[in-house]
Each structure stands twice: as structure tokens, then as C-alpha cells.
Amino acid sequence: MSGVTGGHEDWRPTGTIAALQRRSAMLTAIRRYFAGQGYWEVETPLLSSDCCVDAWIEPVVAADPAESSRRLFLQSSPEFAMKRLVAAGRTPSTRSHAFRAGEVSPRHNREFTMLEWYQVGSDCAAQMDLVEELVRTIAADSSMGPPIAATLPPDP
């Protein structure tokens, strides 16, 4: 029967509608927060001819359809592109898809969303303050419903 695998309907979203709505509200709050702090949102390339620079991250490799002997890589982090902007004196933020081949488990997917930001001239203490304010701002946003901890199932 089409659309059914192993007795389960495979066309349904893997998350609940409530969780997807909550994620959407959270992403909107994050975007609003960073815009209010003077960051500007950028989109970084997902596909590159360069591999990630971290030896401990296993990249997802893709074949180049135009040149079969050439390997391309789905980016494991927007870091390289973001640091190029910082070197140019900019203060970027991004919410980007990232891909890692070696990190798969019941709580980890090969593809995930990564939030990354940089601020020219900022130090570690200022960034810790920013993270605290960001988390408090999102937690106080009433459009997201009850606290996340109240809606999570227990760990297996």
C-alpha cells in the first residue's frame, strides 16, 4: 500500500503540530531578538567544494552532477562563511541548516538547525550576557506556550 511503511503512515510529520508551531514561534523570537541587537541575518552556502576544518566532524559528501570526479560537501557549520564576514568588520547572525554524517542517534539527526552569531570587538563576558538575555527573552515569550521542560517526554 502506497504511503504506508511497516504498518505506519510515513507521510505524517515526525514532530507534533504543537511542537512545530512552538519551534516556529521560537525561531521568530530569536530572529526578532538578534535584529533588535543590531545583528543582521545572513544565509551561508550549504554546499561547498571545501570540507569542514574540524578533524572530528565527519562531513556529508555529495557528488557533483556536472563533474562526477569532483566531491562536494554539505556544510557542517556556517562558521567559515560567518568568519569571513567578521573579518570584513560585520556583525552577522545566521540560523542555518548543518549536516554531519557521524552524529546519528535517537536524539541527533544528520541534518539540524544551527544558530551562530559573531560580534566584532565583543569578548567572552559580553557573549555570556547575550546568551543569558536571549534565553530569558525567549523563555518569557508567551506565544510559545508552557515552558519546554513541561512538554518534553522523559529521556529513554
N, C-alpha and C. Protein backbone atom coordinates (compact mmCIF):
# COMPACT_ATOMS: atom_id res chain seq x y z
N MET A 1 0.83 -1.16 0.00
CA MET A 1 0.00 0.00 0.00
C MET A 1 0.89 1.24 0.00
N SER A 2 0.67 2.16 -0.93
CA SER A 2 1.47 3.37 -1.04
C SER A 2 1.27 4.29 0.16
N GLY A 3 2.37 4.87 0.65
CA GLY A 3 2.29 5.81 1.76
C GLY A 3 2.33 5.16 3.13
N VAL A 4 2.37 3.83 3.17
CA VAL A 4 2.40 3.14 4.46
C VAL A 4 3.64 2.24 4.48
N THR A 5 4.44 2.36 5.54
CA THR A 5 5.65 1.56 5.69
C THR A 5 5.58 0.82 7.00
N GLY A 6 5.68 -0.48 6.96
CA GLY A 6 5.69 -1.26 8.20
C GLY A 6 4.46 -1.02 9.06
N GLY A 7 3.32 -0.74 8.43
CA GLY A 7 2.09 -0.52 9.19
C GLY A 7 1.95 0.91 9.71
N HIS A 8 2.93 1.77 9.45
CA HIS A 8 2.87 3.16 9.91
C HIS A 8 2.72 4.08 8.72
N GLU A 9 1.94 5.10 8.90
CA GLU A 9 1.79 6.08 7.83
C GLU A 9 3.04 6.96 7.82
N ASP A 10 3.79 6.91 6.72
CA ASP A 10 5.07 7.62 6.67
C ASP A 10 4.98 9.05 6.15
N TRP A 11 3.78 9.51 5.82
CA TRP A 11 3.64 10.86 5.30
C TRP A 11 3.48 11.90 6.40
N ARG A 12 3.23 11.45 7.61
CA ARG A 12 2.99 12.40 8.70
C ARG A 12 4.30 13.06 9.14
N PRO A 13 4.22 14.32 9.64
CA PRO A 13 5.42 14.96 10.18
C PRO A 13 5.99 14.15 11.33
N THR A 14 7.30 14.20 11.52
CA THR A 14 7.91 13.46 12.62
C THR A 14 7.71 14.16 13.95
N GLY A 15 7.41 15.45 13.94
CA GLY A 15 7.10 16.19 15.16
C GLY A 15 5.61 16.44 15.25
N THR A 16 5.14 16.72 16.44
CA THR A 16 3.72 17.05 16.60
C THR A 16 3.48 18.45 16.04
N ILE A 17 2.24 18.73 15.67
CA ILE A 17 1.90 20.06 15.18
C ILE A 17 2.21 21.10 16.25
N ALA A 18 1.92 20.79 17.51
CA ALA A 18 2.22 21.73 18.60
C ALA A 18 3.73 22.01 18.68
N ALA A 19 4.55 20.98 18.54
CA ALA A 19 6.00 21.17 18.59
C ALA A 19 6.48 22.00 17.40
N LEU A 20 5.93 21.77 16.23
CA LEU A 20 6.31 22.54 15.05
C LEU A 20 5.90 24.00 15.18
N GLN A 21 4.72 24.25 15.74
CA GLN A 21 4.27 25.63 15.98
C GLN A 21 5.17 26.31 17.01
N ARG A 22 5.53 25.59 18.04
CA ARG A 22 6.41 26.13 19.09
C ARG A 22 7.78 26.47 18.50
N ARG A 23 8.31 25.58 17.66
CA ARG A 23 9.61 25.83 17.01
C ARG A 23 9.53 27.08 16.15
N SER A 24 8.45 27.25 15.41
CA SER A 24 8.26 28.43 14.58
C SER A 24 8.25 29.70 15.43
N ALA A 25 7.52 29.67 16.55
CA ALA A 25 7.47 30.83 17.44
C ALA A 25 8.85 31.12 18.02
N MET A 26 9.59 30.07 18.37
CA MET A 26 10.92 30.26 18.94
C MET A 26 11.87 30.88 17.90
N LEU A 27 11.82 30.40 16.68
CA LEU A 27 12.68 30.96 15.63
C LEU A 27 12.34 32.42 15.35
N THR A 28 11.05 32.75 15.39
CA THR A 28 10.63 34.14 15.22
C THR A 28 11.18 35.01 16.35
N ALA A 29 11.10 34.52 17.58
CA ALA A 29 11.61 35.27 18.74
C ALA A 29 13.12 35.45 18.64
N ILE A 30 13.84 34.43 18.20
CA ILE A 30 15.29 34.53 18.04
C ILE A 30 15.64 35.56 16.99
N ARG A 31 14.96 35.50 15.87
CA ARG A 31 15.20 36.46 14.78
C ARG A 31 14.94 37.88 15.26
N ARG A 32 13.84 38.08 15.97
CA ARG A 32 13.47 39.41 16.50
C ARG A 32 14.53 39.90 17.49
N TYR A 33 14.99 39.01 18.37
CA TYR A 33 16.00 39.38 19.37
C TYR A 33 17.28 39.87 18.69
N PHE A 34 17.81 39.08 17.76
CA PHE A 34 19.07 39.47 17.13
C PHE A 34 18.92 40.74 16.29
N ALA A 35 17.81 40.91 15.61
CA ALA A 35 17.59 42.15 14.86
C ALA A 35 17.58 43.35 15.81
N GLY A 36 16.97 43.18 16.97
CA GLY A 36 16.93 44.26 17.97
C GLY A 36 18.29 44.58 18.56
N GLN A 37 19.21 43.64 18.48
CA GLN A 37 20.57 43.85 18.99
C GLN A 37 21.52 44.39 17.92
N GLY A 38 21.01 44.63 16.71
CA GLY A 38 21.83 45.18 15.65
C GLY A 38 22.54 44.15 14.78
N TYR A 39 22.25 42.89 14.97
CA TYR A 39 22.82 41.86 14.11
C TYR A 39 22.02 41.82 12.81
N TRP A 40 22.65 41.44 11.75
CA TRP A 40 21.90 41.23 10.52
C TRP A 40 22.03 39.79 10.08
N GLU A 41 20.91 39.26 9.67
CA GLU A 41 20.82 37.84 9.34
C GLU A 41 21.35 37.59 7.94
N VAL A 42 22.17 36.56 7.82
CA VAL A 42 22.71 36.18 6.52
C VAL A 42 22.43 34.71 6.27
N GLU A 43 22.44 34.34 5.01
CA GLU A 43 22.35 32.93 4.63
C GLU A 43 23.72 32.52 4.13
N THR A 44 24.23 31.44 4.66
CA THR A 44 25.54 30.95 4.24
C THR A 44 25.36 29.77 3.30
N PRO A 45 26.34 29.52 2.43
CA PRO A 45 26.22 28.40 1.49
C PRO A 45 26.10 27.06 2.22
N LEU A 46 25.27 26.18 1.70
CA LEU A 46 25.13 24.84 2.26
C LEU A 46 26.05 23.84 1.57
N LEU A 47 26.32 24.08 0.31
CA LEU A 47 27.12 23.16 -0.49
C LEU A 47 28.43 23.84 -0.85
N SER A 48 29.54 23.14 -0.66
CA SER A 48 30.84 23.75 -0.88
C SER A 48 31.83 22.74 -1.45
N SER A 49 32.83 23.26 -2.13
CA SER A 49 33.91 22.39 -2.60
C SER A 49 34.94 22.17 -1.51
N ASP A 50 34.82 22.92 -0.40
CA ASP A 50 35.73 22.75 0.74
C ASP A 50 35.06 21.98 1.85
N CYS A 51 35.85 21.12 2.50
CA CYS A 51 35.37 20.32 3.62
C CYS A 51 35.45 21.14 4.90
N CYS A 52 34.82 20.67 5.95
CA CYS A 52 34.91 21.34 7.25
C CYS A 52 36.34 21.29 7.76
N VAL A 53 36.68 22.24 8.62
CA VAL A 53 38.05 22.32 9.11
C VAL A 53 38.27 21.53 10.39
N ASP A 54 37.22 20.99 10.99
CA ASP A 54 37.34 20.25 12.24
C ASP A 54 37.57 18.76 11.94
N ALA A 55 38.70 18.24 12.37
CA ALA A 55 39.07 16.85 12.08
C ALA A 55 38.12 15.84 12.73
N TRP A 56 37.37 16.26 13.75
CA TRP A 56 36.50 15.34 14.49
C TRP A 56 35.08 15.30 13.93
N ILE A 57 34.80 16.13 12.93
CA ILE A 57 33.46 16.14 12.33
C ILE A 57 33.51 15.42 11.00
N GLU A 58 32.64 14.45 10.84
CA GLU A 58 32.56 13.70 9.58
C GLU A 58 31.56 14.39 8.66
N PRO A 59 32.01 14.90 7.52
CA PRO A 59 31.12 15.64 6.63
C PRO A 59 30.22 14.72 5.81
N VAL A 60 29.13 15.28 5.32
CA VAL A 60 28.27 14.59 4.37
C VAL A 60 28.79 14.96 2.98
N VAL A 61 29.14 13.95 2.22
CA VAL A 61 29.73 14.15 0.90
C VAL A 61 28.66 13.99 -0.17
N ALA A 62 28.71 14.87 -1.17
CA ALA A 62 27.76 14.81 -2.28
C ALA A 62 28.55 14.79 -3.59
N ALA A 63 28.04 14.07 -4.56
CA ALA A 63 28.68 14.05 -5.88
C ALA A 63 28.24 15.28 -6.66
N ASP A 64 29.15 15.82 -7.42
CA ASP A 64 28.83 16.96 -8.29
C ASP A 64 28.21 16.41 -9.56
N PRO A 65 26.93 16.69 -9.83
CA PRO A 65 26.29 16.12 -11.02
C PRO A 65 26.91 16.60 -12.33
N ALA A 66 27.58 17.75 -12.29
CA ALA A 66 28.19 18.27 -13.51
C ALA A 66 29.59 17.70 -13.76
N GLU A 67 30.21 17.18 -12.70
CA GLU A 67 31.57 16.66 -12.82
C GLU A 67 31.72 15.49 -11.85
N SER A 68 31.56 14.29 -12.35
CA SER A 68 31.46 13.10 -11.49
C SER A 68 32.68 12.84 -10.62
N SER A 69 33.86 13.31 -11.02
CA SER A 69 35.06 13.06 -10.22
C SER A 69 35.22 14.08 -9.08
N ARG A 70 34.40 15.10 -9.07
CA ARG A 70 34.51 16.16 -8.06
C ARG A 70 33.58 15.89 -6.88
N ARG A 71 34.12 16.02 -5.66
CA ARG A 71 33.31 15.85 -4.45
C ARG A 71 32.91 17.21 -3.91
N LEU A 72 31.69 17.28 -3.43
CA LEU A 72 31.18 18.47 -2.76
C LEU A 72 30.80 18.08 -1.34
N PHE A 73 30.66 19.06 -0.47
CA PHE A 73 30.36 18.79 0.92
C PHE A 73 29.19 19.64 1.39
N LEU A 74 28.24 19.01 2.08
CA LEU A 74 27.21 19.76 2.77
C LEU A 74 27.86 20.31 4.04
N GLN A 75 27.70 21.56 4.29
CA GLN A 75 28.44 22.21 5.37
C GLN A 75 28.04 21.72 6.75
N SER A 76 29.05 21.47 7.58
CA SER A 76 28.82 21.01 8.94
C SER A 76 28.58 22.17 9.89
N SER A 77 28.84 23.39 9.44
CA SER A 77 28.68 24.59 10.25
C SER A 77 28.78 25.81 9.33
N PRO A 78 28.07 26.89 9.65
CA PRO A 78 28.23 28.12 8.86
C PRO A 78 29.48 28.91 9.25
N GLU A 79 30.31 28.36 10.13
CA GLU A 79 31.43 29.08 10.74
C GLU A 79 32.36 29.75 9.73
N PHE A 80 32.81 29.03 8.72
CA PHE A 80 33.79 29.58 7.79
C PHE A 80 33.23 30.82 7.09
N ALA A 81 32.02 30.71 6.57
CA ALA A 81 31.41 31.86 5.87
C ALA A 81 31.16 33.02 6.83
N MET A 82 30.76 32.71 8.06
CA MET A 82 30.50 33.76 9.04
C MET A 82 31.79 34.49 9.41
N LYS A 83 32.87 33.76 9.58
CA LYS A 83 34.13 34.40 9.97
C LYS A 83 34.69 35.28 8.86
N ARG A 84 34.37 34.97 7.63
CA ARG A 84 34.76 35.85 6.53
C ARG A 84 34.05 37.20 6.67
N LEU A 85 32.79 37.18 7.09
CA LEU A 85 32.06 38.43 7.31
C LEU A 85 32.63 39.21 8.49
N VAL A 86 32.97 38.50 9.56
CA VAL A 86 33.57 39.16 10.72
C VAL A 86 34.89 39.81 10.34
N ALA A 87 35.70 39.12 9.53
CA ALA A 87 36.98 39.68 9.09
C ALA A 87 36.76 40.95 8.27
N ALA A 88 35.60 41.07 7.64
CA ALA A 88 35.26 42.27 6.88
C ALA A 88 34.63 43.35 7.76
N GLY A 89 34.58 43.08 9.09
CA GLY A 89 34.08 44.08 10.03
C GLY A 89 32.58 44.07 10.25
N ARG A 90 31.91 42.99 9.91
CA ARG A 90 30.46 42.90 10.05
C ARG A 90 30.06 42.12 11.29
N THR A 91 28.79 42.28 11.71
CA THR A 91 28.24 41.57 12.86
C THR A 91 27.07 40.72 12.38
N PRO A 92 27.34 39.52 11.92
CA PRO A 92 26.28 38.68 11.35
C PRO A 92 25.69 37.69 12.34
N SER A 93 24.48 37.24 12.03
CA SER A 93 23.89 36.09 12.71
C SER A 93 23.28 35.22 11.63
N THR A 94 23.17 33.94 11.91
CA THR A 94 22.54 33.04 10.95
C THR A 94 21.84 31.91 11.68
N ARG A 95 20.78 31.46 11.10
CA ARG A 95 20.10 30.25 11.52
C ARG A 95 20.19 29.38 10.28
N SER A 96 21.06 28.40 10.33
CA SER A 96 21.43 27.66 9.13
C SER A 96 21.24 26.17 9.33
N HIS A 97 20.98 25.49 8.23
CA HIS A 97 20.99 24.03 8.26
C HIS A 97 22.45 23.59 8.25
N ALA A 98 22.75 22.56 9.00
CA ALA A 98 24.09 21.98 9.04
C ALA A 98 23.94 20.47 8.92
N PHE A 99 25.00 19.83 8.46
CA PHE A 99 24.96 18.40 8.18
C PHE A 99 26.21 17.74 8.74
N ARG A 100 26.03 16.62 9.43
CA ARG A 100 27.16 15.86 9.96
C ARG A 100 26.85 14.37 9.81
N ALA A 101 27.74 13.67 9.13
CA ALA A 101 27.49 12.26 8.82
C ALA A 101 27.60 11.36 10.04
N GLY A 102 28.48 11.67 10.98
CA GLY A 102 28.78 10.76 12.06
C GLY A 102 27.97 10.95 13.33
N GLU A 103 26.98 11.80 13.32
CA GLU A 103 26.25 12.11 14.55
C GLU A 103 24.78 11.74 14.41
N VAL A 104 24.50 10.45 14.50
CA VAL A 104 23.12 9.98 14.36
C VAL A 104 22.77 9.14 15.58
N SER A 105 21.65 9.46 16.19
CA SER A 105 21.15 8.71 17.34
C SER A 105 19.67 9.05 17.48
N PRO A 106 18.98 8.48 18.46
CA PRO A 106 17.57 8.84 18.63
C PRO A 106 17.36 10.33 18.89
N ARG A 107 18.38 11.05 19.38
CA ARG A 107 18.25 12.48 19.66
C ARG A 107 19.07 13.37 18.71
N HIS A 108 19.76 12.76 17.73
CA HIS A 108 20.59 13.51 16.80
C HIS A 108 20.28 13.10 15.37
N ASN A 109 20.11 14.09 14.50
CA ASN A 109 19.90 13.84 13.08
C ASN A 109 21.13 14.29 12.30
N ARG A 110 21.29 13.73 11.11
CA ARG A 110 22.39 14.17 10.25
C ARG A 110 22.22 15.63 9.86
N GLU A 111 20.98 16.05 9.70
CA GLU A 111 20.68 17.44 9.36
C GLU A 111 20.03 18.10 10.57
N PHE A 112 20.49 19.30 10.90
CA PHE A 112 19.94 20.02 12.04
C PHE A 112 20.07 21.51 11.80
N THR A 113 19.41 22.29 12.62
CA THR A 113 19.47 23.74 12.52
C THR A 113 20.46 24.26 13.55
N MET A 114 21.33 25.13 13.11
CA MET A 114 22.35 25.71 13.99
C MET A 114 22.19 27.22 14.02
N LEU A 115 22.22 27.76 15.22
CA LEU A 115 22.21 29.21 15.40
C LEU A 115 23.64 29.62 15.68
N GLU A 116 24.13 30.59 14.93
CA GLU A 116 25.50 31.04 15.12
C GLU A 116 25.54 32.54 14.91
N TRP A 117 26.33 33.23 15.73
CA TRP A 117 26.47 34.67 15.59
C TRP A 117 27.86 35.08 16.03
N TYR A 118 28.27 36.23 15.52
CA TYR A 118 29.56 36.80 15.87
C TYR A 118 29.37 38.31 16.04
N GLN A 119 30.20 38.91 16.90
CA GLN A 119 30.16 40.35 17.08
C GLN A 119 31.59 40.87 17.13
N VAL A 120 31.90 41.74 16.20
CA VAL A 120 33.23 42.33 16.14
C VAL A 120 33.48 43.11 17.43
N GLY A 121 34.63 42.86 18.06
CA GLY A 121 35.02 43.59 19.25
C GLY A 121 34.40 43.10 20.54
N SER A 122 33.61 42.04 20.50
CA SER A 122 32.95 41.52 21.69
C SER A 122 33.88 40.53 22.41
N ASP A 123 33.74 40.46 23.73
CA ASP A 123 34.53 39.49 24.47
C ASP A 123 33.63 38.39 25.03
N CYS A 124 34.25 37.43 25.68
CA CYS A 124 33.54 36.26 26.20
C CYS A 124 32.45 36.66 27.20
N ALA A 125 32.75 37.59 28.09
CA ALA A 125 31.78 38.01 29.10
C ALA A 125 30.54 38.65 28.44
N ALA A 126 30.76 39.46 27.42
CA ALA A 126 29.64 40.10 26.72
C ALA A 126 28.78 39.04 26.02
N GLN A 127 29.42 38.02 25.47
CA GLN A 127 28.67 36.97 24.80
C GLN A 127 27.90 36.10 25.79
N MET A 128 28.46 35.86 26.96
CA MET A 128 27.72 35.12 28.00
C MET A 128 26.49 35.91 28.43
N ASP A 129 26.63 37.23 28.57
CA ASP A 129 25.48 38.08 28.91
C ASP A 129 24.42 38.02 27.81
N LEU A 130 24.88 38.05 26.56
CA LEU A 130 23.95 37.98 25.44
C LEU A 130 23.17 36.67 25.46
N VAL A 131 23.86 35.55 25.69
CA VAL A 131 23.19 34.24 25.73
C VAL A 131 22.15 34.22 26.84
N GLU A 132 22.51 34.72 28.01
CA GLU A 132 21.56 34.74 29.12
C GLU A 132 20.34 35.59 28.78
N GLU A 133 20.57 36.76 28.20
CA GLU A 133 19.45 37.62 27.84
C GLU A 133 18.59 36.98 26.74
N LEU A 134 19.22 36.35 25.77
CA LEU A 134 18.49 35.66 24.70
C LEU A 134 17.59 34.57 25.27
N VAL A 135 18.14 33.72 26.14
CA VAL A 135 17.36 32.63 26.72
C VAL A 135 16.21 33.18 27.57
N ARG A 136 16.49 34.20 28.37
CA ARG A 136 15.43 34.80 29.20
C ARG A 136 14.34 35.42 28.33
N THR A 137 14.72 36.09 27.26
CA THR A 137 13.76 36.72 26.36
C THR A 137 12.86 35.68 25.71
N ILE A 138 13.45 34.59 25.23
CA ILE A 138 12.66 33.54 24.59
C ILE A 138 11.77 32.84 25.61
N ALA A 139 12.32 32.57 26.78
CA ALA A 139 11.53 31.89 27.82
C ALA A 139 10.33 32.73 28.27
N ALA A 140 10.46 34.04 28.22
CA ALA A 140 9.38 34.93 28.65
C ALA A 140 8.34 35.18 27.55
N ASP A 141 8.63 34.74 26.34
CA ASP A 141 7.71 34.96 25.21
C ASP A 141 6.48 34.09 25.37
N SER A 142 5.35 34.70 25.66
CA SER A 142 4.12 33.94 25.93
C SER A 142 3.54 33.26 24.70
N SER A 143 3.99 33.63 23.51
CA SER A 143 3.44 32.99 22.30
C SER A 143 3.89 31.55 22.16
N MET A 144 4.85 31.12 22.98
CA MET A 144 5.36 29.76 22.87
C MET A 144 4.70 28.78 23.80
N GLY A 145 3.72 29.21 24.58
CA GLY A 145 3.01 28.28 25.44
C GLY A 145 3.79 27.95 26.70
N PRO A 146 3.51 26.77 27.31
CA PRO A 146 4.16 26.42 28.58
C PRO A 146 5.65 26.20 28.41
N PRO A 147 6.42 26.24 29.50
CA PRO A 147 7.86 26.01 29.41
C PRO A 147 8.17 24.69 28.71
N ILE A 148 9.24 24.67 27.96
CA ILE A 148 9.62 23.49 27.18
C ILE A 148 9.75 22.26 28.08
N ALA A 149 10.37 22.40 29.24
CA ALA A 149 10.58 21.26 30.13
C ALA A 149 9.26 20.58 30.51
N ALA A 150 8.18 21.33 30.55
CA ALA A 150 6.87 20.77 30.92
C ALA A 150 6.28 19.93 29.79
N THR A 151 6.81 20.05 28.56
CA THR A 151 6.23 19.34 27.43
C THR A 151 7.10 18.22 26.90
N LEU A 152 8.31 18.06 27.44
CA LEU A 152 9.21 17.03 26.94
C LEU A 152 8.94 15.68 27.55
N PRO A 153 9.02 14.62 26.75
CA PRO A 153 8.91 13.28 27.34
C PRO A 153 10.18 12.97 28.11
N PRO A 154 10.14 12.03 29.05
CA PRO A 154 11.36 11.68 29.78
C PRO A 154 12.37 11.03 28.85
N ASP A 155 13.65 11.16 29.18
CA ASP A 155 14.69 10.50 28.38
C ASP A 155 14.51 9.00 28.46
N PRO A 156 14.82 8.32 27.33
CA PRO A 156 14.68 6.85 27.33
C PRO A 156 15.67 6.16 28.24
